[in-house]
Structure formats: structure tokens, C-alpha cells
Amino acid sequence: MMYTKTIIPTKENHTVEVPEEFFGKKILVTVEPIEKEVDLSYLEKVELVEKTFASYKKVDLTNFIFDREEANNFDE
């Protein structure tokens, strides 16, 4: 699993929140400047979507099978 967070520093020290799945694990923190301009409105939208959908329970669909014939069988 990987977690990426883009910030614009305004001071020397920052606190970065990490996902709960990382608790108790050794993690690597890399800091590097982004050379190209970042569209902050886009990043704000991404964060809003992440926060919105974080409240929903995750559903495991790995064993889900879609039967197109059954779904389109209107005669029965």
C-alpha cells in the first residue's frame, strides 16, 4: 500500500497524518520539490472525494460474478 500527500510548506516543521493501516509499521518518508505547477483546486477536489467516500464501508467484490445472460433474461 502506498500513501501520497502533497503539501505546500509554510514553515519548517509539519505534521503528516498517515492511514491507520500504517500504525506500528516502519514507513519511509521522502520529501522532494515538485518542479511543475500544481493545480491546488484539483488537489482540494481529490481530498474532498477521498473524505466523502472514506465514510462508506468497503465492499469486497473479488468473488463477484456478473452473469449478463441472467441480467438480460426478461422473459422469466
N, C-alpha and C. Protein backbone atom coordinates (compact mmCIF):
# COMPACT_ATOMS: atom_id res chain seq x y z
N MET A 1 0.85 -1.18 0.00
CA MET A 1 0.00 0.00 0.00
C MET A 1 0.89 1.23 0.00
N MET A 2 0.45 2.25 -0.70
CA MET A 2 1.21 3.49 -0.75
C MET A 2 0.28 4.65 -0.46
N TYR A 3 0.80 5.66 0.20
CA TYR A 3 0.02 6.85 0.55
C TYR A 3 0.82 8.07 0.10
N THR A 4 0.18 8.95 -0.66
CA THR A 4 0.85 10.15 -1.15
C THR A 4 0.09 11.37 -0.66
N LYS A 5 0.82 12.36 -0.21
CA LYS A 5 0.22 13.61 0.26
C LYS A 5 1.07 14.75 -0.29
N THR A 6 0.44 15.69 -0.96
CA THR A 6 1.13 16.86 -1.49
C THR A 6 0.80 18.06 -0.61
N ILE A 7 1.83 18.74 -0.14
CA ILE A 7 1.62 19.92 0.69
C ILE A 7 2.50 21.06 0.17
N ILE A 8 2.17 22.26 0.56
CA ILE A 8 3.00 23.43 0.28
C ILE A 8 3.44 23.96 1.65
N PRO A 9 4.71 23.75 1.99
CA PRO A 9 5.18 24.15 3.31
C PRO A 9 5.10 25.66 3.51
N THR A 10 4.68 26.05 4.70
CA THR A 10 4.65 27.46 5.07
C THR A 10 5.54 27.72 6.28
N LYS A 11 6.14 26.65 6.79
CA LYS A 11 7.05 26.75 7.94
C LYS A 11 8.00 25.57 7.89
N GLU A 12 8.93 25.52 8.82
CA GLU A 12 9.95 24.47 8.81
C GLU A 12 9.41 23.11 9.22
N ASN A 13 8.51 23.06 10.20
CA ASN A 13 8.01 21.79 10.73
C ASN A 13 6.57 21.55 10.29
N HIS A 14 6.27 20.31 9.93
CA HIS A 14 4.92 19.92 9.52
C HIS A 14 4.58 18.57 10.12
N THR A 15 3.29 18.35 10.36
CA THR A 15 2.79 17.07 10.81
C THR A 15 2.02 16.44 9.67
N VAL A 16 2.32 15.20 9.37
CA VAL A 16 1.63 14.48 8.29
C VAL A 16 0.86 13.34 8.91
N GLU A 17 -0.44 13.30 8.64
CA GLU A 17 -1.28 12.21 9.14
C GLU A 17 -1.16 11.02 8.19
N VAL A 18 -1.01 9.83 8.75
CA VAL A 18 -0.89 8.62 7.93
C VAL A 18 -2.10 7.73 8.17
N PRO A 19 -2.43 6.88 7.20
CA PRO A 19 -3.57 5.97 7.37
C PRO A 19 -3.36 5.02 8.54
N GLU A 20 -4.44 4.56 9.12
CA GLU A 20 -4.40 3.68 10.29
C GLU A 20 -3.67 2.37 9.97
N GLU A 21 -3.72 1.94 8.70
CA GLU A 21 -3.06 0.69 8.32
C GLU A 21 -1.55 0.77 8.52
N PHE A 22 -1.00 1.99 8.60
CA PHE A 22 0.44 2.16 8.76
C PHE A 22 0.87 2.16 10.23
N PHE A 23 -0.07 2.21 11.16
CA PHE A 23 0.27 2.28 12.58
C PHE A 23 1.10 1.05 12.96
N GLY A 24 2.18 1.26 13.71
CA GLY A 24 3.02 0.18 14.17
C GLY A 24 3.99 -0.37 13.14
N LYS A 25 3.98 0.21 11.93
CA LYS A 25 4.87 -0.26 10.87
C LYS A 25 5.97 0.78 10.61
N LYS A 26 7.07 0.30 10.12
CA LYS A 26 8.15 1.19 9.72
C LYS A 26 7.77 1.79 8.36
N ILE A 27 7.82 3.12 8.21
CA ILE A 27 7.45 3.76 6.96
C ILE A 27 8.60 4.62 6.46
N LEU A 28 8.60 4.88 5.17
CA LEU A 28 9.61 5.72 4.54
C LEU A 28 8.96 7.06 4.19
N VAL A 29 9.59 8.14 4.61
CA VAL A 29 9.10 9.48 4.30
C VAL A 29 10.12 10.14 3.38
N THR A 30 9.68 10.55 2.19
CA THR A 30 10.55 11.21 1.23
C THR A 30 10.00 12.60 0.95
N VAL A 31 10.88 13.58 0.97
CA VAL A 31 10.47 14.96 0.68
C VAL A 31 11.26 15.44 -0.52
N GLU A 32 10.54 15.89 -1.55
CA GLU A 32 11.19 16.43 -2.74
C GLU A 32 10.30 17.50 -3.35
N PRO A 33 10.89 18.53 -3.93
CA PRO A 33 10.07 19.58 -4.53
C PRO A 33 9.45 19.10 -5.85
N ILE A 34 8.29 19.62 -6.15
CA ILE A 34 7.62 19.34 -7.42
C ILE A 34 7.95 20.51 -8.34
N GLU A 35 8.58 20.20 -9.44
CA GLU A 35 9.06 21.25 -10.34
C GLU A 35 7.92 21.94 -11.11
N LYS A 36 6.94 21.16 -11.52
CA LYS A 36 5.86 21.77 -12.29
C LYS A 36 4.78 22.32 -11.36
N GLU A 37 4.02 23.26 -11.85
CA GLU A 37 2.97 23.91 -11.07
C GLU A 37 1.87 22.91 -10.73
N VAL A 38 1.40 22.95 -9.50
CA VAL A 38 0.33 22.05 -9.05
C VAL A 38 -0.97 22.83 -8.98
N ASP A 39 -2.01 22.27 -9.57
CA ASP A 39 -3.33 22.89 -9.54
C ASP A 39 -3.96 22.60 -8.19
N LEU A 40 -3.94 23.58 -7.29
CA LEU A 40 -4.44 23.36 -5.93
C LEU A 40 -5.93 23.05 -5.91
N SER A 41 -6.69 23.62 -6.82
CA SER A 41 -8.11 23.32 -6.83
C SER A 41 -8.34 21.84 -7.13
N TYR A 42 -7.50 21.26 -7.98
CA TYR A 42 -7.60 19.83 -8.27
C TYR A 42 -7.29 19.02 -7.02
N LEU A 43 -6.23 19.38 -6.32
CA LEU A 43 -5.87 18.65 -5.10
C LEU A 43 -6.95 18.77 -4.04
N GLU A 44 -7.55 19.92 -3.94
CA GLU A 44 -8.65 20.10 -2.99
C GLU A 44 -9.83 19.21 -3.36
N LYS A 45 -10.11 19.08 -4.65
CA LYS A 45 -11.20 18.21 -5.10
C LYS A 45 -10.89 16.76 -4.77
N VAL A 46 -9.67 16.34 -4.98
CA VAL A 46 -9.28 14.96 -4.68
C VAL A 46 -9.46 14.69 -3.19
N GLU A 47 -9.02 15.60 -2.34
CA GLU A 47 -9.18 15.42 -0.91
C GLU A 47 -10.65 15.36 -0.51
N LEU A 48 -11.48 16.18 -1.14
CA LEU A 48 -12.91 16.17 -0.84
C LEU A 48 -13.52 14.82 -1.21
N VAL A 49 -13.16 14.29 -2.36
CA VAL A 49 -13.69 12.98 -2.78
C VAL A 49 -13.21 11.89 -1.82
N GLU A 50 -11.93 11.93 -1.44
CA GLU A 50 -11.40 10.93 -0.52
C GLU A 50 -12.13 10.99 0.82
N LYS A 51 -12.35 12.18 1.34
CA LYS A 51 -13.04 12.32 2.62
C LYS A 51 -14.49 11.87 2.52
N THR A 52 -15.14 12.19 1.40
CA THR A 52 -16.54 11.83 1.21
C THR A 52 -16.72 10.32 1.20
N PHE A 53 -15.89 9.62 0.43
CA PHE A 53 -16.06 8.18 0.29
C PHE A 53 -15.42 7.39 1.42
N ALA A 54 -14.60 8.02 2.24
CA ALA A 54 -13.98 7.33 3.37
C ALA A 54 -15.02 6.90 4.40
N SER A 55 -16.17 7.57 4.42
CA SER A 55 -17.20 7.24 5.41
C SER A 55 -18.00 5.99 5.02
N TYR A 56 -17.90 5.55 3.77
CA TYR A 56 -18.63 4.37 3.32
C TYR A 56 -17.82 3.10 3.60
N LYS A 57 -18.54 2.03 3.94
CA LYS A 57 -17.88 0.76 4.15
C LYS A 57 -17.35 0.23 2.83
N LYS A 58 -16.20 -0.41 2.89
CA LYS A 58 -15.60 -1.01 1.70
C LYS A 58 -16.27 -2.37 1.46
N VAL A 59 -16.51 -2.70 0.21
CA VAL A 59 -17.14 -3.97 -0.15
C VAL A 59 -16.15 -4.77 -0.99
N ASP A 60 -15.93 -6.01 -0.60
CA ASP A 60 -15.02 -6.90 -1.32
C ASP A 60 -15.76 -7.51 -2.49
N LEU A 61 -15.38 -7.13 -3.71
CA LEU A 61 -16.02 -7.65 -4.91
C LEU A 61 -15.13 -8.64 -5.66
N THR A 62 -14.12 -9.17 -5.01
CA THR A 62 -13.20 -10.07 -5.70
C THR A 62 -13.87 -11.36 -6.15
N ASN A 63 -14.92 -11.79 -5.46
CA ASN A 63 -15.62 -13.03 -5.85
C ASN A 63 -16.93 -12.75 -6.57
N PHE A 64 -17.17 -11.51 -6.94
CA PHE A 64 -18.41 -11.14 -7.62
C PHE A 64 -18.36 -11.61 -9.07
N ILE A 65 -19.44 -12.24 -9.52
CA ILE A 65 -19.54 -12.70 -10.91
C ILE A 65 -20.80 -12.10 -11.51
N PHE A 66 -20.64 -11.42 -12.63
CA PHE A 66 -21.78 -10.83 -13.32
C PHE A 66 -22.20 -11.74 -14.46
N ASP A 67 -23.44 -12.20 -14.42
CA ASP A 67 -23.97 -13.08 -15.47
C ASP A 67 -24.85 -12.23 -16.38
N ARG A 68 -24.31 -11.85 -17.53
CA ARG A 68 -25.04 -10.99 -18.47
C ARG A 68 -26.32 -11.65 -18.98
N GLU A 69 -26.26 -12.96 -19.21
CA GLU A 69 -27.45 -13.68 -19.69
C GLU A 69 -28.58 -13.61 -18.65
N GLU A 70 -28.24 -13.82 -17.40
CA GLU A 70 -29.24 -13.77 -16.34
C GLU A 70 -29.78 -12.36 -16.18
N ALA A 71 -28.92 -11.37 -16.28
CA ALA A 71 -29.33 -9.98 -16.10
C ALA A 71 -30.27 -9.51 -17.21
N ASN A 72 -30.10 -10.07 -18.41
CA ASN A 72 -30.92 -9.65 -19.56
C ASN A 72 -32.02 -10.63 -19.89
N ASN A 73 -32.32 -11.57 -19.03
CA ASN A 73 -33.37 -12.56 -19.26
C ASN A 73 -34.70 -11.98 -18.77
N PHE A 74 -35.35 -11.22 -19.62
CA PHE A 74 -36.60 -10.55 -19.25
C PHE A 74 -37.82 -11.45 -19.38
N ASP A 75 -37.68 -12.58 -20.04
CA ASP A 75 -38.83 -13.47 -20.28
C ASP A 75 -39.19 -14.29 -19.04
N GLU A 76 -38.31 -14.43 -18.12
CA GLU A 76 -38.60 -15.27 -16.94
C GLU A 76 -39.02 -14.44 -15.76
